[in-house]
Amino acid sequence: MEVVVLADEKKWLELKGSMTAEPEGVTWVQTLEEMEAHRQADVFMDLEFEENDHLAVLTGLLPKTILVNNVVSTNRATHPSFIRFNGWTGFLHHSIIEAACSEEQKTNAEAVFALFGKSIQLLPDEIGFVKPRVISLIINEAFLALEDDISTKEEINTAMKMGTNYPFGPFEWADKIGTGKIVKLLEALEKKQAKYKPSSLIKA
């Protein structure tokens, strides 16, 4: 199996984790043009997926196996043949990756992530998966607390890490993931549940 992974250096290193060498049969690229140059590969994983920019290229690679880092929209909205997973920065080092795909694609998804020493947790094809929903809501609540002058960023980060044993405080998570990605998810979820309405500070 020949796999091509499109990722920036940070995500690539996080995906590899403690591996000192690249997994056998895996090629790391950093641009869509490089990915297209490897059309003979069996599998394409896009960790930089942006629907407007990448969708045409990826659909052009079908019927090869396509995995996309796509938290905000569903496979129903992009392409039913894709394997969708949570590849947000800070989540790729986990040994279990949240994913959504058809039963026919499940074996392919498991085989690809096994190359990196990871397994998948197959979830319904819904916006946000589980971990991004929870973390985004916590981050938004932290921004609301800051907006109300309840505490400082540093104090909120410390309270969350010490009180819940989280590896990062909410503002540290926001910096890692990127507030733009968090706002996109919150706005998508807000269409069904008002509790996800983004704080004005997180959108600033």
N, C-alpha and C. Protein backbone atom coordinates (compact mmCIF):
# COMPACT_ATOMS: atom_id res chain seq x y z
N MET A 1 0.84 -1.19 0.00
CA MET A 1 0.00 0.00 0.00
C MET A 1 0.88 1.24 0.00
N GLU A 2 0.66 2.11 -0.99
CA GLU A 2 1.42 3.36 -1.08
C GLU A 2 0.52 4.51 -0.63
N VAL A 3 0.98 5.25 0.39
CA VAL A 3 0.19 6.30 1.01
C VAL A 3 0.90 7.64 0.85
N VAL A 4 0.15 8.66 0.45
CA VAL A 4 0.67 10.02 0.36
C VAL A 4 -0.04 10.88 1.40
N VAL A 5 0.74 11.57 2.23
CA VAL A 5 0.17 12.41 3.29
C VAL A 5 0.52 13.86 3.02
N LEU A 6 -0.52 14.69 2.88
CA LEU A 6 -0.33 16.14 2.73
C LEU A 6 -0.48 16.78 4.10
N ALA A 7 0.61 17.42 4.56
CA ALA A 7 0.58 18.02 5.91
C ALA A 7 1.71 19.04 6.03
N ASP A 8 1.51 20.03 6.89
CA ASP A 8 2.64 20.88 7.23
C ASP A 8 3.53 20.09 8.19
N GLU A 9 4.71 20.63 8.47
CA GLU A 9 5.68 19.88 9.29
C GLU A 9 5.15 19.58 10.69
N LYS A 10 4.44 20.53 11.27
CA LYS A 10 3.92 20.35 12.63
C LYS A 10 2.96 19.17 12.71
N LYS A 11 2.00 19.12 11.78
CA LYS A 11 1.03 18.03 11.78
C LYS A 11 1.69 16.70 11.43
N TRP A 12 2.64 16.74 10.50
CA TRP A 12 3.33 15.51 10.11
C TRP A 12 4.07 14.90 11.30
N LEU A 13 4.78 15.72 12.06
CA LEU A 13 5.52 15.22 13.21
C LEU A 13 4.56 14.73 14.29
N GLU A 14 3.43 15.40 14.44
CA GLU A 14 2.44 14.95 15.43
C GLU A 14 1.83 13.62 15.03
N LEU A 15 1.54 13.46 13.72
CA LEU A 15 0.99 12.19 13.23
C LEU A 15 1.97 11.05 13.44
N LYS A 16 3.24 11.30 13.19
CA LYS A 16 4.26 10.24 13.36
C LYS A 16 4.51 9.93 14.82
N GLY A 17 4.32 10.90 15.68
CA GLY A 17 4.53 10.68 17.11
C GLY A 17 5.97 10.31 17.41
N SER A 18 6.16 9.20 18.12
CA SER A 18 7.50 8.80 18.55
C SER A 18 8.27 8.04 17.48
N MET A 19 7.66 7.84 16.31
CA MET A 19 8.37 7.13 15.24
C MET A 19 9.60 7.93 14.81
N THR A 20 10.74 7.28 14.72
CA THR A 20 11.97 7.97 14.32
C THR A 20 12.15 7.97 12.81
N ALA A 21 11.47 7.06 12.12
CA ALA A 21 11.55 6.99 10.67
C ALA A 21 10.15 7.04 10.08
N GLU A 22 10.08 7.40 8.80
CA GLU A 22 8.77 7.42 8.14
C GLU A 22 8.27 6.00 7.96
N PRO A 23 6.97 5.76 8.18
CA PRO A 23 6.41 4.42 7.99
C PRO A 23 6.65 3.94 6.56
N GLU A 24 6.86 2.67 6.41
CA GLU A 24 7.15 2.10 5.09
C GLU A 24 5.97 2.34 4.14
N GLY A 25 6.29 2.82 2.94
CA GLY A 25 5.27 3.04 1.93
C GLY A 25 4.55 4.36 2.04
N VAL A 26 5.00 5.23 2.96
CA VAL A 26 4.34 6.53 3.17
C VAL A 26 5.23 7.66 2.66
N THR A 27 4.64 8.56 1.87
CA THR A 27 5.35 9.74 1.36
C THR A 27 4.70 10.99 1.92
N TRP A 28 5.51 11.86 2.48
CA TRP A 28 5.01 13.13 3.03
C TRP A 28 5.20 14.23 2.00
N VAL A 29 4.12 14.97 1.70
CA VAL A 29 4.19 16.12 0.80
C VAL A 29 3.56 17.33 1.49
N GLN A 30 3.87 18.52 0.96
CA GLN A 30 3.38 19.73 1.61
C GLN A 30 2.51 20.61 0.71
N THR A 31 2.28 20.17 -0.53
CA THR A 31 1.42 20.95 -1.43
C THR A 31 0.49 20.01 -2.20
N LEU A 32 -0.62 20.58 -2.69
CA LEU A 32 -1.55 19.81 -3.51
C LEU A 32 -0.89 19.35 -4.81
N GLU A 33 -0.01 20.20 -5.34
CA GLU A 33 0.68 19.85 -6.58
C GLU A 33 1.55 18.61 -6.38
N GLU A 34 2.24 18.55 -5.25
CA GLU A 34 3.05 17.36 -4.95
C GLU A 34 2.17 16.12 -4.80
N MET A 35 1.02 16.31 -4.17
CA MET A 35 0.10 15.17 -4.00
C MET A 35 -0.35 14.64 -5.36
N GLU A 36 -0.74 15.55 -6.24
CA GLU A 36 -1.19 15.15 -7.57
C GLU A 36 -0.09 14.45 -8.37
N ALA A 37 1.16 14.81 -8.07
CA ALA A 37 2.28 14.18 -8.78
C ALA A 37 2.47 12.72 -8.39
N HIS A 38 1.80 12.30 -7.32
CA HIS A 38 1.87 10.90 -6.86
C HIS A 38 0.55 10.18 -7.11
N ARG A 39 -0.04 10.43 -8.25
CA ARG A 39 -1.36 9.87 -8.57
C ARG A 39 -1.38 8.34 -8.57
N GLN A 40 -0.21 7.74 -8.68
CA GLN A 40 -0.15 6.28 -8.72
C GLN A 40 -0.35 5.66 -7.33
N ALA A 41 -0.33 6.47 -6.28
CA ALA A 41 -0.47 5.95 -4.92
C ALA A 41 -1.86 5.35 -4.71
N ASP A 42 -1.97 4.54 -3.66
CA ASP A 42 -3.24 3.87 -3.35
C ASP A 42 -4.12 4.69 -2.41
N VAL A 43 -3.48 5.50 -1.56
CA VAL A 43 -4.19 6.22 -0.50
C VAL A 43 -3.67 7.66 -0.42
N PHE A 44 -4.59 8.60 -0.20
CA PHE A 44 -4.23 10.00 -0.04
C PHE A 44 -4.85 10.52 1.25
N MET A 45 -4.00 11.06 2.13
CA MET A 45 -4.47 11.63 3.40
C MET A 45 -4.18 13.13 3.37
N ASP A 46 -5.23 13.94 3.54
CA ASP A 46 -5.10 15.39 3.48
C ASP A 46 -5.34 15.99 4.86
N LEU A 47 -4.25 16.37 5.52
CA LEU A 47 -4.35 16.98 6.84
C LEU A 47 -4.57 18.50 6.77
N GLU A 48 -4.48 19.05 5.57
CA GLU A 48 -4.66 20.50 5.39
C GLU A 48 -5.96 20.80 4.67
N PHE A 49 -6.91 19.87 4.73
CA PHE A 49 -8.13 19.95 3.93
C PHE A 49 -8.89 21.26 4.12
N GLU A 50 -9.14 21.93 3.02
CA GLU A 50 -10.03 23.10 2.95
C GLU A 50 -10.99 22.80 1.80
N GLU A 51 -12.26 22.72 2.12
CA GLU A 51 -13.24 22.24 1.14
C GLU A 51 -13.20 23.00 -0.18
N ASN A 52 -13.14 24.33 -0.11
CA ASN A 52 -13.18 25.13 -1.32
C ASN A 52 -11.95 24.93 -2.21
N ASP A 53 -10.79 24.71 -1.59
CA ASP A 53 -9.54 24.63 -2.33
C ASP A 53 -9.14 23.20 -2.72
N HIS A 54 -9.50 22.23 -1.91
CA HIS A 54 -8.96 20.88 -2.08
C HIS A 54 -9.93 19.87 -2.69
N LEU A 55 -11.23 20.18 -2.62
CA LEU A 55 -12.23 19.18 -2.99
C LEU A 55 -12.09 18.70 -4.43
N ALA A 56 -11.89 19.62 -5.36
CA ALA A 56 -11.79 19.24 -6.77
C ALA A 56 -10.61 18.31 -7.02
N VAL A 57 -9.48 18.61 -6.40
CA VAL A 57 -8.29 17.77 -6.58
C VAL A 57 -8.52 16.38 -6.00
N LEU A 58 -9.08 16.31 -4.81
CA LEU A 58 -9.27 15.02 -4.15
C LEU A 58 -10.31 14.16 -4.87
N THR A 59 -11.40 14.76 -5.29
CA THR A 59 -12.39 13.97 -6.02
C THR A 59 -11.81 13.45 -7.34
N GLY A 60 -10.86 14.19 -7.89
CA GLY A 60 -10.20 13.75 -9.11
C GLY A 60 -9.30 12.55 -8.90
N LEU A 61 -8.97 12.24 -7.64
CA LEU A 61 -8.12 11.08 -7.32
C LEU A 61 -8.93 9.83 -7.02
N LEU A 62 -10.25 9.98 -6.90
CA LEU A 62 -11.11 8.81 -6.71
C LEU A 62 -11.02 7.91 -7.94
N PRO A 63 -11.15 6.59 -7.81
CA PRO A 63 -11.67 5.85 -6.64
C PRO A 63 -10.60 5.42 -5.63
N LYS A 64 -9.44 6.09 -5.63
CA LYS A 64 -8.45 5.78 -4.60
C LYS A 64 -9.05 6.10 -3.23
N THR A 65 -8.42 5.59 -2.17
CA THR A 65 -8.87 5.87 -0.81
C THR A 65 -8.45 7.28 -0.41
N ILE A 66 -9.41 8.09 0.02
CA ILE A 66 -9.16 9.49 0.38
C ILE A 66 -9.54 9.72 1.84
N LEU A 67 -8.59 10.19 2.65
CA LEU A 67 -8.84 10.55 4.04
C LEU A 67 -8.66 12.05 4.19
N VAL A 68 -9.62 12.70 4.85
CA VAL A 68 -9.54 14.15 4.99
C VAL A 68 -9.71 14.57 6.45
N ASN A 69 -8.89 15.52 6.85
CA ASN A 69 -9.02 16.15 8.17
C ASN A 69 -10.16 17.16 8.06
N ASN A 70 -11.36 16.71 8.42
CA ASN A 70 -12.55 17.53 8.21
C ASN A 70 -13.48 17.39 9.41
N VAL A 71 -13.45 18.39 10.28
CA VAL A 71 -14.25 18.37 11.49
C VAL A 71 -15.58 19.09 11.28
N VAL A 72 -15.59 20.10 10.42
CA VAL A 72 -16.72 21.03 10.34
C VAL A 72 -17.85 20.57 9.43
N SER A 73 -17.58 19.81 8.38
CA SER A 73 -18.66 19.36 7.51
C SER A 73 -18.66 17.83 7.42
N THR A 74 -19.76 17.28 6.97
CA THR A 74 -19.92 15.83 6.93
C THR A 74 -19.51 15.26 5.57
N ASN A 75 -19.38 13.94 5.52
CA ASN A 75 -19.14 13.29 4.24
C ASN A 75 -20.33 13.45 3.31
N ARG A 76 -21.51 13.54 3.89
CA ARG A 76 -22.70 13.76 3.07
C ARG A 76 -22.59 15.08 2.31
N ALA A 77 -21.93 16.06 2.94
CA ALA A 77 -21.82 17.39 2.34
C ALA A 77 -20.60 17.51 1.42
N THR A 78 -19.61 16.65 1.59
CA THR A 78 -18.40 16.73 0.76
C THR A 78 -18.40 15.61 -0.27
N HIS A 79 -18.12 14.37 0.18
CA HIS A 79 -18.19 13.23 -0.73
C HIS A 79 -18.37 11.95 0.08
N PRO A 80 -19.36 11.13 -0.24
CA PRO A 80 -19.63 9.93 0.56
C PRO A 80 -18.53 8.88 0.52
N SER A 81 -17.60 9.00 -0.44
CA SER A 81 -16.51 8.03 -0.53
C SER A 81 -15.32 8.39 0.36
N PHE A 82 -15.32 9.61 0.91
CA PHE A 82 -14.20 10.04 1.73
C PHE A 82 -14.24 9.38 3.12
N ILE A 83 -13.07 9.27 3.72
CA ILE A 83 -12.94 8.90 5.13
C ILE A 83 -12.61 10.20 5.87
N ARG A 84 -13.49 10.62 6.74
CA ARG A 84 -13.34 11.89 7.46
C ARG A 84 -12.80 11.61 8.85
N PHE A 85 -11.85 12.43 9.32
CA PHE A 85 -11.30 12.20 10.66
C PHE A 85 -10.93 13.51 11.32
N ASN A 86 -10.75 13.46 12.64
CA ASN A 86 -10.34 14.63 13.42
C ASN A 86 -8.83 14.71 13.43
N GLY A 87 -8.29 15.63 12.62
CA GLY A 87 -6.85 15.84 12.58
C GLY A 87 -6.44 17.21 13.05
N TRP A 88 -7.25 17.80 13.94
CA TRP A 88 -6.88 19.10 14.50
C TRP A 88 -5.55 18.98 15.24
N THR A 89 -4.75 20.04 15.18
CA THR A 89 -3.49 20.08 15.92
C THR A 89 -3.77 19.87 17.41
N GLY A 90 -2.98 18.98 18.00
CA GLY A 90 -3.17 18.65 19.41
C GLY A 90 -3.94 17.36 19.62
N PHE A 91 -4.56 16.82 18.55
CA PHE A 91 -5.33 15.59 18.65
C PHE A 91 -4.66 14.42 17.92
N LEU A 92 -3.75 14.73 17.01
CA LEU A 92 -3.15 13.69 16.17
C LEU A 92 -2.22 12.76 16.94
N HIS A 93 -1.72 13.22 18.08
CA HIS A 93 -0.80 12.37 18.84
C HIS A 93 -1.55 11.28 19.62
N HIS A 94 -2.88 11.38 19.70
CA HIS A 94 -3.66 10.37 20.42
C HIS A 94 -3.57 9.03 19.72
N SER A 95 -3.65 7.96 20.48
CA SER A 95 -3.55 6.61 19.90
C SER A 95 -4.85 6.19 19.21
N ILE A 96 -5.96 6.87 19.53
CA ILE A 96 -7.25 6.57 18.90
C ILE A 96 -7.74 7.84 18.20
N ILE A 97 -8.02 7.72 16.91
CA ILE A 97 -8.45 8.84 16.09
C ILE A 97 -9.93 8.71 15.78
N GLU A 98 -10.68 9.78 16.01
CA GLU A 98 -12.11 9.79 15.67
C GLU A 98 -12.27 9.88 14.16
N ALA A 99 -13.14 9.02 13.61
CA ALA A 99 -13.32 9.00 12.16
C ALA A 99 -14.76 8.68 11.80
N ALA A 100 -15.14 9.04 10.58
CA ALA A 100 -16.47 8.73 10.05
C ALA A 100 -16.31 8.27 8.61
N CYS A 101 -16.89 7.13 8.28
CA CYS A 101 -16.82 6.61 6.92
C CYS A 101 -17.85 5.50 6.76
N SER A 102 -17.98 5.00 5.56
CA SER A 102 -18.89 3.90 5.30
C SER A 102 -18.28 2.60 5.84
N GLU A 103 -19.10 1.60 6.03
CA GLU A 103 -18.61 0.30 6.48
C GLU A 103 -17.60 -0.27 5.49
N GLU A 104 -17.82 0.02 4.21
CA GLU A 104 -16.92 -0.48 3.16
C GLU A 104 -15.52 0.12 3.28
N GLN A 105 -15.45 1.35 3.82
CA GLN A 105 -14.16 2.03 3.93
C GLN A 105 -13.49 1.81 5.29
N LYS A 106 -14.18 1.19 6.21
CA LYS A 106 -13.64 1.04 7.57
C LYS A 106 -12.31 0.28 7.58
N THR A 107 -12.22 -0.80 6.84
CA THR A 107 -10.98 -1.59 6.81
C THR A 107 -9.83 -0.76 6.27
N ASN A 108 -10.09 0.03 5.23
CA ASN A 108 -9.04 0.90 4.67
C ASN A 108 -8.58 1.93 5.70
N ALA A 109 -9.53 2.53 6.40
CA ALA A 109 -9.19 3.53 7.42
C ALA A 109 -8.33 2.91 8.52
N GLU A 110 -8.70 1.76 8.97
CA GLU A 110 -7.93 1.08 10.02
C GLU A 110 -6.51 0.76 9.55
N ALA A 111 -6.39 0.31 8.30
CA ALA A 111 -5.07 -0.06 7.77
C ALA A 111 -4.15 1.15 7.66
N VAL A 112 -4.70 2.29 7.24
CA VAL A 112 -3.88 3.49 7.09
C VAL A 112 -3.38 3.99 8.44
N PHE A 113 -4.28 4.12 9.41
CA PHE A 113 -3.85 4.64 10.71
C PHE A 113 -2.97 3.65 11.46
N ALA A 114 -3.09 2.36 11.16
CA ALA A 114 -2.21 1.36 11.78
C ALA A 114 -0.76 1.59 11.39
N LEU A 115 -0.53 2.17 10.21
CA LEU A 115 0.83 2.48 9.79
C LEU A 115 1.51 3.45 10.76
N PHE A 116 0.71 4.25 11.44
CA PHE A 116 1.23 5.24 12.38
C PHE A 116 1.03 4.80 13.84
N GLY A 117 0.71 3.52 14.02
CA GLY A 117 0.52 2.98 15.37
C GLY A 117 -0.75 3.45 16.03
N LYS A 118 -1.77 3.78 15.23
CA LYS A 118 -3.02 4.30 15.78
C LYS A 118 -4.19 3.43 15.35
N SER A 119 -5.27 3.51 16.11
CA SER A 119 -6.51 2.85 15.73
C SER A 119 -7.58 3.93 15.57
N ILE A 120 -8.75 3.55 15.07
CA ILE A 120 -9.80 4.54 14.88
C ILE A 120 -11.02 4.22 15.74
N GLN A 121 -11.73 5.27 16.10
CA GLN A 121 -13.04 5.13 16.73
C GLN A 121 -14.05 5.62 15.71
N LEU A 122 -14.82 4.70 15.15
CA LEU A 122 -15.78 5.05 14.11
C LEU A 122 -17.01 5.69 14.74
N LEU A 123 -17.34 6.89 14.28
CA LEU A 123 -18.46 7.66 14.83
C LEU A 123 -19.45 8.00 13.71
N PRO A 124 -20.67 8.37 14.08
CA PRO A 124 -21.63 8.80 13.05
C PRO A 124 -21.10 10.00 12.27
N ASP A 125 -21.53 10.14 11.05
CA ASP A 125 -21.09 11.23 10.18
C ASP A 125 -21.80 12.52 10.56
N GLU A 126 -21.41 13.07 11.71
CA GLU A 126 -22.01 14.30 12.22
C GLU A 126 -20.94 15.37 12.42
N ILE A 127 -21.33 16.61 12.33
CA ILE A 127 -20.39 17.73 12.50
C ILE A 127 -19.74 17.69 13.88
N GLY A 128 -18.42 17.86 13.91
CA GLY A 128 -17.71 18.06 15.16
C GLY A 128 -17.17 16.85 15.87
N PHE A 129 -17.59 15.63 15.48
CA PHE A 129 -17.19 14.45 16.23
C PHE A 129 -17.51 14.64 17.72
N VAL A 130 -16.65 14.15 18.63
CA VAL A 130 -16.91 14.29 20.07
C VAL A 130 -15.90 15.26 20.70
N LYS A 131 -14.63 14.94 20.58
CA LYS A 131 -13.60 15.76 21.24
C LYS A 131 -13.60 17.21 20.77
N PRO A 132 -13.66 17.48 19.46
CA PRO A 132 -13.69 18.89 19.04
C PRO A 132 -14.90 19.65 19.56
N ARG A 133 -16.06 18.97 19.63
CA ARG A 133 -17.26 19.62 20.18
C ARG A 133 -17.01 20.05 21.63
N VAL A 134 -16.50 19.11 22.43
CA VAL A 134 -16.30 19.37 23.85
C VAL A 134 -15.26 20.46 24.06
N ILE A 135 -14.12 20.33 23.39
CA ILE A 135 -13.04 21.30 23.56
C ILE A 135 -13.47 22.68 23.07
N SER A 136 -14.18 22.75 21.94
CA SER A 136 -14.62 24.04 21.41
C SER A 136 -15.59 24.73 22.37
N LEU A 137 -16.47 23.95 22.98
CA LEU A 137 -17.42 24.51 23.94
C LEU A 137 -16.69 25.05 25.17
N ILE A 138 -15.70 24.30 25.64
CA ILE A 138 -14.91 24.75 26.80
C ILE A 138 -14.14 26.03 26.46
N ILE A 139 -13.53 26.05 25.28
CA ILE A 139 -12.79 27.23 24.85
C ILE A 139 -13.72 28.44 24.76
N ASN A 140 -14.90 28.23 24.20
CA ASN A 140 -15.86 29.33 24.08
C ASN A 140 -16.29 29.85 25.45
N GLU A 141 -16.53 28.93 26.39
CA GLU A 141 -16.90 29.34 27.75
C GLU A 141 -15.78 30.14 28.40
N ALA A 142 -14.54 29.77 28.12
CA ALA A 142 -13.40 30.52 28.67
C ALA A 142 -13.37 31.94 28.10
N PHE A 143 -13.66 32.08 26.82
CA PHE A 143 -13.71 33.41 26.22
C PHE A 143 -14.88 34.22 26.79
N LEU A 144 -16.00 33.56 27.06
CA LEU A 144 -17.13 34.26 27.66
C LEU A 144 -16.77 34.74 29.07
N ALA A 145 -16.04 33.90 29.82
CA ALA A 145 -15.61 34.30 31.17
C ALA A 145 -14.66 35.49 31.10
N LEU A 146 -13.78 35.46 30.12
CA LEU A 146 -12.84 36.57 29.93
C LEU A 146 -13.61 37.84 29.54
N GLU A 147 -14.61 37.68 28.71
CA GLU A 147 -15.45 38.78 28.26
C GLU A 147 -16.17 39.43 29.45
N ASP A 148 -16.54 38.62 30.43
CA ASP A 148 -17.25 39.11 31.62
C ASP A 148 -16.31 39.55 32.73
N ASP A 149 -14.99 39.58 32.44
CA ASP A 149 -13.98 39.99 33.43
C ASP A 149 -13.98 39.12 34.68
N ILE A 150 -14.28 37.83 34.52
CA ILE A 150 -14.29 36.91 35.65
C ILE A 150 -12.87 36.59 36.10
N SER A 151 -11.96 36.48 35.12
CA SER A 151 -10.57 36.16 35.44
C SER A 151 -9.70 36.48 34.23
N THR A 152 -8.40 36.19 34.36
CA THR A 152 -7.46 36.43 33.26
C THR A 152 -7.24 35.13 32.48
N LYS A 153 -6.66 35.26 31.30
CA LYS A 153 -6.34 34.08 30.50
C LYS A 153 -5.45 33.12 31.28
N GLU A 154 -4.42 33.66 31.91
CA GLU A 154 -3.46 32.83 32.64
C GLU A 154 -4.14 32.08 33.79
N GLU A 155 -4.98 32.76 34.52
CA GLU A 155 -5.67 32.14 35.65
C GLU A 155 -6.66 31.07 35.19
N ILE A 156 -7.36 31.33 34.10
CA ILE A 156 -8.32 30.35 33.56
C ILE A 156 -7.56 29.11 33.05
N ASN A 157 -6.46 29.33 32.35
CA ASN A 157 -5.64 28.20 31.89
C ASN A 157 -5.18 27.34 33.06
N THR A 158 -4.66 28.00 34.10
CA THR A 158 -4.16 27.27 35.27
C THR A 158 -5.28 26.52 35.98
N ALA A 159 -6.42 27.16 36.16
CA ALA A 159 -7.55 26.53 36.85
C ALA A 159 -8.01 25.28 36.12
N MET A 160 -8.10 25.34 34.80
CA MET A 160 -8.55 24.18 34.01
C MET A 160 -7.54 23.05 34.05
N LYS A 161 -6.27 23.39 33.97
CA LYS A 161 -5.24 22.33 33.99
C LYS A 161 -5.16 21.65 35.35
N MET A 162 -5.22 22.43 36.40
CA MET A 162 -5.10 21.86 37.75
C MET A 162 -6.40 21.23 38.21
N GLY A 163 -7.53 21.81 37.80
CA GLY A 163 -8.82 21.31 38.28
C GLY A 163 -9.33 20.10 37.51
N THR A 164 -8.95 20.00 36.23
CA THR A 164 -9.48 18.90 35.40
C THR A 164 -8.38 17.98 34.88
N ASN A 165 -7.12 18.33 35.15
CA ASN A 165 -5.97 17.55 34.68
C ASN A 165 -5.88 17.53 33.15
N TYR A 166 -6.41 18.59 32.52
CA TYR A 166 -6.26 18.72 31.07
C TYR A 166 -4.79 19.04 30.75
N PRO A 167 -4.30 18.59 29.60
CA PRO A 167 -2.90 18.89 29.25
C PRO A 167 -2.67 20.35 28.91
N PHE A 168 -3.74 21.04 28.46
CA PHE A 168 -3.64 22.46 28.11
C PHE A 168 -4.83 23.20 28.68
N GLY A 169 -4.63 24.51 28.93
CA GLY A 169 -5.75 25.34 29.30
C GLY A 169 -6.53 25.71 28.04
N PRO A 170 -7.75 26.25 28.19
CA PRO A 170 -8.57 26.54 27.02
C PRO A 170 -7.95 27.53 26.04
N PHE A 171 -7.23 28.52 26.55
CA PHE A 171 -6.61 29.48 25.64
C PHE A 171 -5.38 28.88 24.96
N GLU A 172 -4.71 27.98 25.64
CA GLU A 172 -3.60 27.24 25.02
C GLU A 172 -4.12 26.33 23.91
N TRP A 173 -5.27 25.66 24.17
CA TRP A 173 -5.90 24.85 23.13
C TRP A 173 -6.26 25.72 21.94
N ALA A 174 -6.82 26.89 22.21
CA ALA A 174 -7.23 27.80 21.13
C ALA A 174 -6.05 28.19 20.26
N ASP A 175 -4.92 28.45 20.89
CA ASP A 175 -3.71 28.81 20.13
C ASP A 175 -3.23 27.64 19.27
N LYS A 176 -3.30 26.43 19.82
CA LYS A 176 -2.85 25.25 19.09
C LYS A 176 -3.75 24.97 17.88
N ILE A 177 -5.04 24.96 18.11
CA ILE A 177 -6.00 24.60 17.06
C ILE A 177 -6.17 25.73 16.07
N GLY A 178 -6.24 26.95 16.57
CA GLY A 178 -6.53 28.12 15.74
C GLY A 178 -7.96 28.56 15.96
N THR A 179 -8.14 29.81 16.37
CA THR A 179 -9.50 30.27 16.68
C THR A 179 -10.41 30.25 15.46
N GLY A 180 -9.84 30.42 14.27
CA GLY A 180 -10.66 30.38 13.06
C GLY A 180 -11.36 29.05 12.90
N LYS A 181 -10.65 27.95 13.15
CA LYS A 181 -11.24 26.61 13.05
C LYS A 181 -12.32 26.42 14.12
N ILE A 182 -12.05 26.91 15.32
CA ILE A 182 -13.01 26.77 16.41
C ILE A 182 -14.29 27.55 16.11
N VAL A 183 -14.14 28.76 15.62
CA VAL A 183 -15.32 29.58 15.28
C VAL A 183 -16.15 28.91 14.19
N LYS A 184 -15.50 28.36 13.18
CA LYS A 184 -16.23 27.66 12.10
C LYS A 184 -17.07 26.52 12.66
N LEU A 185 -16.47 25.75 13.58
CA LEU A 185 -17.21 24.64 14.17
C LEU A 185 -18.36 25.15 15.04
N LEU A 186 -18.09 26.14 15.88
CA LEU A 186 -19.14 26.68 16.75
C LEU A 186 -20.30 27.22 15.92
N GLU A 187 -20.01 27.92 14.84
CA GLU A 187 -21.07 28.49 14.02
C GLU A 187 -21.89 27.41 13.33
N ALA A 188 -21.22 26.33 12.93
CA ALA A 188 -21.94 25.21 12.31
C ALA A 188 -22.85 24.52 13.33
N LEU A 189 -22.34 24.35 14.56
CA LEU A 189 -23.13 23.70 15.61
C LEU A 189 -24.25 24.59 16.13
N GLU A 190 -24.02 25.92 16.11
CA GLU A 190 -25.02 26.87 16.60
C GLU A 190 -26.32 26.79 15.80
N LYS A 191 -26.23 26.35 14.55
CA LYS A 191 -27.44 26.26 13.72
C LYS A 191 -28.46 25.28 14.30
N LYS A 192 -27.98 24.34 15.14
CA LYS A 192 -28.88 23.38 15.77
C LYS A 192 -29.05 23.63 17.26
N GLN A 193 -27.99 24.19 17.90
CA GLN A 193 -28.05 24.41 19.35
C GLN A 193 -27.46 25.77 19.70
N ALA A 194 -28.25 26.62 20.32
CA ALA A 194 -27.84 28.00 20.62
C ALA A 194 -26.65 28.06 21.59
N LYS A 195 -26.44 27.00 22.38
CA LYS A 195 -25.36 27.03 23.38
C LYS A 195 -23.98 27.16 22.74
N TYR A 196 -23.89 26.87 21.45
CA TYR A 196 -22.60 26.94 20.75
C TYR A 196 -22.30 28.32 20.17
N LYS A 197 -23.18 29.30 20.41
CA LYS A 197 -22.95 30.64 19.84
C LYS A 197 -21.58 31.17 20.26
N PRO A 198 -20.73 31.54 19.29
CA PRO A 198 -19.38 31.99 19.63
C PRO A 198 -19.35 33.30 20.40
N SER A 199 -18.45 33.38 21.35
CA SER A 199 -18.21 34.63 22.07
C SER A 199 -17.73 35.70 21.10
N SER A 200 -18.06 36.95 21.38
CA SER A 200 -17.59 38.04 20.52
C SER A 200 -16.06 38.15 20.56
N LEU A 201 -15.46 37.77 21.70
CA LEU A 201 -14.00 37.85 21.82
C LEU A 201 -13.30 36.81 20.96
N ILE A 202 -13.84 35.62 20.86
CA ILE A 202 -13.19 34.57 20.08
C ILE A 202 -13.27 34.89 18.58
N LYS A 203 -14.28 35.71 18.20
CA LYS A 203 -14.43 36.09 16.80
C LYS A 203 -13.63 37.35 16.46
N ALA A 204 -13.12 38.00 17.49
CA ALA A 204 -12.42 39.29 17.27
C ALA A 204 -11.08 39.08 16.55
